[in-house]
């Protein structure tokens, strides 16, 4: 029987995982999904995700694909996967059959990320591990203004991890909004693709602007330096979410 290609949308809390990608140093989202597929179908199938989120990073709408020879309706795939994932902080939101050449990774036209800062004196209780707690007030308008300097096509070497495997540091950032949501500050970013640690590096540097330690000019100089040494610092992973992937 010819295998069908299945596209799934997945939500997860990344706190208990070493990241999306299968690794030898701990549990991954990818491995958990592959084990769940094997458990209900008996098939050894590779799951390919749209984005390789790091350890501690969450997802509201990660997209992945895999092949399945077993003939089963998509809605039953969702139920079967969730039944085998019920002890983990992973939930499959939807599944659908797609053409055999569909690629969750290479066919994505836009990836959307959200970074959340809880900007109040009291630390989080309910949202602990899901937001970056910054006790001192941050200037949101200044951060938003500085973020606009990063929008467009640039060499993002400064904001790129030394372990990044991308062929080029040049990326086009389509949107970078910084807004207040109650006691939180939300950083919303959109681009076709991102470099390893790019979002966290940019948010960390913008925090310096919000604190008054950096000016807009300092951020501009950091970008132009194309040097990792010119980076402010990386924001922690637990405030970051892969929110949506477009095709």
Protein backbone atom coordinates (compact mmCIF):
# COMPACT_ATOMS: atom_id res chain seq x y z
CA UNK A 1 0.00 0.00 0.00
CA UNK A 2 1.34 3.44 -0.95
CA UNK A 3 2.10 5.67 2.03
CA UNK A 4 0.22 8.93 2.52
CA UNK A 5 1.97 12.11 3.59
CA UNK A 6 0.44 13.62 6.71
CA UNK A 7 0.78 17.23 7.85
CA UNK A 8 0.22 17.92 11.54
CA UNK A 9 0.10 21.06 13.67
CA UNK A 10 1.57 20.65 17.14
CA UNK A 11 1.51 22.60 20.39
CA UNK A 12 4.08 21.95 23.12
CA UNK A 13 5.71 23.22 26.27
CA UNK A 14 9.42 22.91 25.63
CA UNK A 15 10.52 22.99 29.27
CA UNK A 16 11.04 19.23 29.57
CA UNK A 17 12.72 18.74 26.20
CA UNK A 18 16.17 19.29 24.67
CA UNK A 19 14.43 20.90 21.70
CA UNK A 20 12.59 19.78 18.61
CA UNK A 21 15.39 17.75 17.04
CA UNK A 22 16.24 14.22 18.17
CA UNK A 23 19.42 14.21 20.26
CA UNK A 24 21.35 11.82 22.46
CA UNK A 25 21.35 14.05 25.54
CA UNK A 26 17.66 13.93 26.39
CA UNK A 27 14.04 13.75 25.19
CA UNK A 28 13.01 15.70 22.09
CA UNK A 29 9.67 16.62 20.53
CA UNK A 30 10.61 14.86 17.29
CA UNK A 31 11.42 11.58 19.04
CA UNK A 32 8.24 11.72 21.13
CA UNK A 33 6.13 12.06 17.99
CA UNK A 34 7.99 9.26 16.21
CA UNK A 35 7.48 6.96 19.20
CA UNK A 36 3.77 7.83 19.25
CA UNK A 37 3.46 7.05 15.53
CA UNK A 38 5.19 3.70 16.00
CA UNK A 39 3.00 2.89 19.01
CA UNK A 40 -0.31 3.18 17.16
CA UNK A 41 0.74 2.15 13.64
CA UNK A 42 3.72 -0.14 14.08
CA UNK A 43 5.56 1.95 11.49
CA UNK A 44 9.02 3.52 11.82
CA UNK A 45 8.48 6.96 10.33
CA UNK A 46 10.61 10.10 10.34
CA UNK A 47 8.92 13.33 11.43
CA UNK A 48 10.17 16.56 9.83
CA UNK A 49 9.35 19.88 11.48
CA UNK A 50 9.08 23.38 10.08
CA UNK A 51 11.43 24.77 12.71
CA UNK A 52 14.03 23.25 15.00
CA UNK A 53 13.14 24.96 18.27
CA UNK A 54 15.81 24.95 20.99
CA UNK A 55 15.67 23.45 24.46
CA UNK A 56 13.05 25.25 26.55
CA UNK A 57 11.37 26.94 23.57
CA UNK A 58 7.62 26.41 23.18
CA UNK A 59 5.27 26.11 20.20
CA UNK A 60 1.68 27.14 19.63
CA UNK A 61 1.63 26.07 15.99
CA UNK A 62 4.64 23.99 14.99
CA UNK A 63 4.02 22.17 11.70
CA UNK A 64 5.49 18.80 10.77
CA UNK A 65 5.03 16.03 8.23
CA UNK A 66 5.52 12.28 8.07
CA UNK A 67 4.50 9.38 5.84
CA UNK A 68 2.06 6.71 6.92
CA UNK A 69 1.26 3.48 5.08
CA UNK A 70 -1.62 2.64 7.39
CA UNK A 71 -4.95 3.79 5.96
CA UNK A 72 -6.52 5.96 8.67
CA UNK A 73 -8.54 9.17 8.68
CA UNK A 74 -6.68 12.34 9.73
CA UNK A 75 -9.03 12.98 12.68
CA UNK A 76 -8.26 9.48 13.98
CA UNK A 77 -4.53 10.18 13.60
CA UNK A 78 -4.96 13.18 15.90
CA UNK A 79 -6.74 11.06 18.50
CA UNK A 80 -4.22 8.22 18.24
CA UNK A 81 -1.21 10.49 18.58
CA UNK A 82 -2.66 12.39 21.53
CA UNK A 83 -3.53 9.13 23.27
CA UNK A 84 0.14 8.14 23.17
CA UNK A 85 1.35 11.64 24.09
CA UNK A 86 -1.00 12.15 27.03
CA UNK A 87 1.78 11.93 29.63
CA UNK A 88 3.84 14.57 27.83
CA UNK A 89 3.36 18.31 27.34
CA UNK A 90 2.73 17.82 23.61
CA UNK A 91 -0.62 18.08 21.84
CA UNK A 92 -1.40 17.44 18.18
CA UNK A 93 -3.98 20.04 17.17
CA UNK A 94 -4.79 18.89 13.65
CA UNK A 95 -3.81 16.51 10.85
CA UNK A 96 -4.47 16.43 7.13
CA UNK A 97 -3.36 14.49 4.08
CA UNK A 98 -1.10 16.49 1.75
CA UNK A 99 0.65 15.80 -1.58
CA UNK A 100 3.59 13.42 -1.39
CA UNK A 101 6.12 16.15 -2.15
CA UNK A 102 4.96 18.44 0.67
CA UNK A 103 7.76 19.55 3.02
CA UNK A 104 6.95 21.21 6.34
CA UNK A 105 10.45 22.66 6.39
CA UNK A 106 11.23 23.73 2.84
CA UNK A 107 7.78 24.84 1.68
CA UNK A 108 7.14 27.23 4.57
CA UNK A 109 6.66 30.78 3.26
CA UNK A 110 6.55 32.51 6.64
CA UNK A 111 7.40 31.65 10.23
CA UNK A 112 5.95 33.66 13.10
CA UNK A 113 7.50 33.87 16.55
CA UNK A 114 6.27 35.41 19.80
CA UNK A 115 8.48 36.36 22.73
CA UNK A 116 6.84 37.19 26.07
CA UNK A 117 8.31 39.30 28.87
CA UNK A 118 6.43 39.60 32.15
CA UNK A 119 7.35 43.15 33.18
CA UNK A 120 6.35 43.52 36.83
CA UNK A 121 8.05 43.37 40.20
CA UNK A 122 6.37 40.15 41.38
CA UNK A 123 7.69 36.96 39.76
CA UNK A 124 5.29 34.66 37.89
CA UNK A 125 3.62 31.75 39.60
CA UNK A 126 1.20 30.35 37.02
CA UNK A 127 3.35 31.37 34.01
CA UNK A 128 6.69 30.39 35.48
CA UNK A 129 8.83 28.84 32.76
CA UNK A 130 6.66 30.37 30.03
CA UNK A 131 7.67 34.04 30.25
CA UNK A 132 10.89 35.96 30.88
CA UNK A 133 10.43 37.83 34.14
CA UNK A 134 11.94 41.33 34.13
CA UNK A 135 11.17 43.15 37.38
CA UNK A 136 12.18 46.71 36.44
CA UNK A 137 10.00 48.71 34.01
CA UNK A 138 11.03 48.67 30.35
CA UNK A 139 10.36 51.44 27.83
CA UNK A 140 8.23 49.76 25.17
CA UNK A 141 8.10 52.64 22.61
CA UNK A 142 11.90 52.82 22.56
CA UNK A 143 12.19 49.07 22.05
CA UNK A 144 9.64 49.11 19.23
CA UNK A 145 11.47 52.00 17.53
CA UNK A 146 14.79 50.17 17.78
CA UNK A 147 13.21 46.93 16.50
CA UNK A 148 12.26 48.65 13.25
CA UNK A 149 15.97 49.01 12.43
CA UNK A 150 16.12 45.21 12.25
CA UNK A 151 13.21 44.92 9.80
CA UNK A 152 14.25 44.27 6.19
CA UNK A 153 17.14 42.45 4.57
CA UNK A 154 20.33 42.49 6.65
CA UNK A 155 23.44 40.53 7.51
CA UNK A 156 22.45 39.25 10.95
CA UNK A 157 25.86 37.82 11.89
CA UNK A 158 25.77 39.73 15.20
CA UNK A 159 22.56 37.95 16.18
CA UNK A 160 23.60 34.51 14.95
CA UNK A 161 24.75 31.62 17.13
CA UNK A 162 28.29 30.40 16.57
CA UNK A 163 26.72 26.95 16.05
CA UNK A 164 24.30 28.15 13.36
CA UNK A 165 24.37 25.91 10.27
CA UNK A 166 22.66 28.31 7.85
CA UNK A 167 24.61 28.89 4.64
CA UNK A 168 24.23 32.67 4.82
CA UNK A 169 23.74 35.17 7.68
CA UNK A 170 21.61 37.34 5.39
CA UNK A 171 17.90 37.15 6.23
CA UNK A 172 14.85 39.31 5.56
CA UNK A 173 12.84 40.17 8.65
CA UNK A 174 9.32 41.14 7.55
CA UNK A 175 7.86 42.27 10.87
CA UNK A 176 9.10 43.08 14.37
CA UNK A 177 6.49 44.63 16.65
CA UNK A 178 6.93 45.34 20.36
CA UNK A 179 3.68 46.01 22.22
CA UNK A 180 2.26 46.01 25.74
CA UNK A 181 -0.27 43.33 26.68
CA UNK A 182 -1.34 44.04 30.27
CA UNK A 183 1.67 43.28 32.45
CA UNK A 184 3.44 41.61 29.55
CA UNK A 185 5.51 42.88 26.65
CA UNK A 186 5.09 40.92 23.44
CA UNK A 187 7.68 40.80 20.68
CA UNK A 188 6.07 39.54 17.45
CA UNK A 189 8.35 38.61 14.56
CA UNK A 190 7.76 37.25 11.06
CA UNK A 191 10.19 36.04 8.39
CA UNK A 192 10.51 33.21 5.93
CA UNK A 193 13.33 31.80 8.03
CA UNK A 194 15.50 32.70 11.02
CA UNK A 195 19.07 32.03 12.07
CA UNK A 196 19.88 29.93 15.13
CA UNK A 197 19.31 32.10 18.24
CA UNK A 198 18.40 35.12 16.09
CA UNK A 199 15.13 35.92 17.86
CA UNK A 200 16.53 35.50 21.36
CA UNK A 201 19.61 37.55 20.49
CA UNK A 202 17.54 40.41 19.13
CA UNK A 203 15.13 40.40 22.08
CA UNK A 204 18.03 40.37 24.56
CA UNK A 205 19.62 43.36 22.86
CA UNK A 206 16.31 45.23 22.75
CA UNK A 207 15.93 44.73 26.51
CA UNK A 208 19.08 46.84 26.90
CA UNK A 209 17.32 49.58 24.93
CA UNK A 210 14.26 49.25 27.14
CA UNK A 211 16.43 49.62 30.23
CA UNK A 212 18.13 52.73 28.85
CA UNK A 213 21.51 50.98 28.77
CA UNK A 214 21.55 51.08 24.95
CA UNK A 215 20.21 53.67 22.53
CA UNK A 216 18.73 53.07 19.10
CA UNK A 217 22.16 54.05 17.72
CA UNK A 218 23.83 51.35 19.82
CA UNK A 219 21.53 48.71 18.36
CA UNK A 220 22.16 50.01 14.84
CA UNK A 221 25.92 49.84 15.42
CA UNK A 222 25.57 46.30 16.80
CA UNK A 223 23.78 45.18 13.63
CA UNK A 224 26.30 46.88 11.35
CA UNK A 225 29.25 45.33 13.19
CA UNK A 226 28.37 41.85 11.85
CA UNK A 227 30.25 40.49 14.83
CA UNK A 228 28.89 38.25 17.57
CA UNK A 229 31.02 40.19 20.08
CA UNK A 230 28.83 43.25 19.42
CA UNK A 231 25.72 41.42 20.68
CA UNK A 232 23.98 42.55 23.86
CA UNK A 233 23.02 39.08 25.10
CA UNK A 234 20.62 36.20 24.44
CA UNK A 235 17.20 36.30 26.05
CA UNK A 236 16.38 33.02 27.83
CA UNK A 237 14.55 30.35 25.81
CA UNK A 238 11.46 29.96 27.99
CA UNK A 239 9.83 33.20 26.78
CA UNK A 240 9.93 32.15 23.12
CA UNK A 241 7.13 30.53 21.10
CA UNK A 242 6.91 29.36 17.50
CA UNK A 243 3.38 30.66 17.04
CA UNK A 244 2.49 29.87 13.42
CA UNK A 245 3.88 28.64 10.10
CA UNK A 246 2.41 29.69 6.76
CA UNK A 247 2.49 27.80 3.44
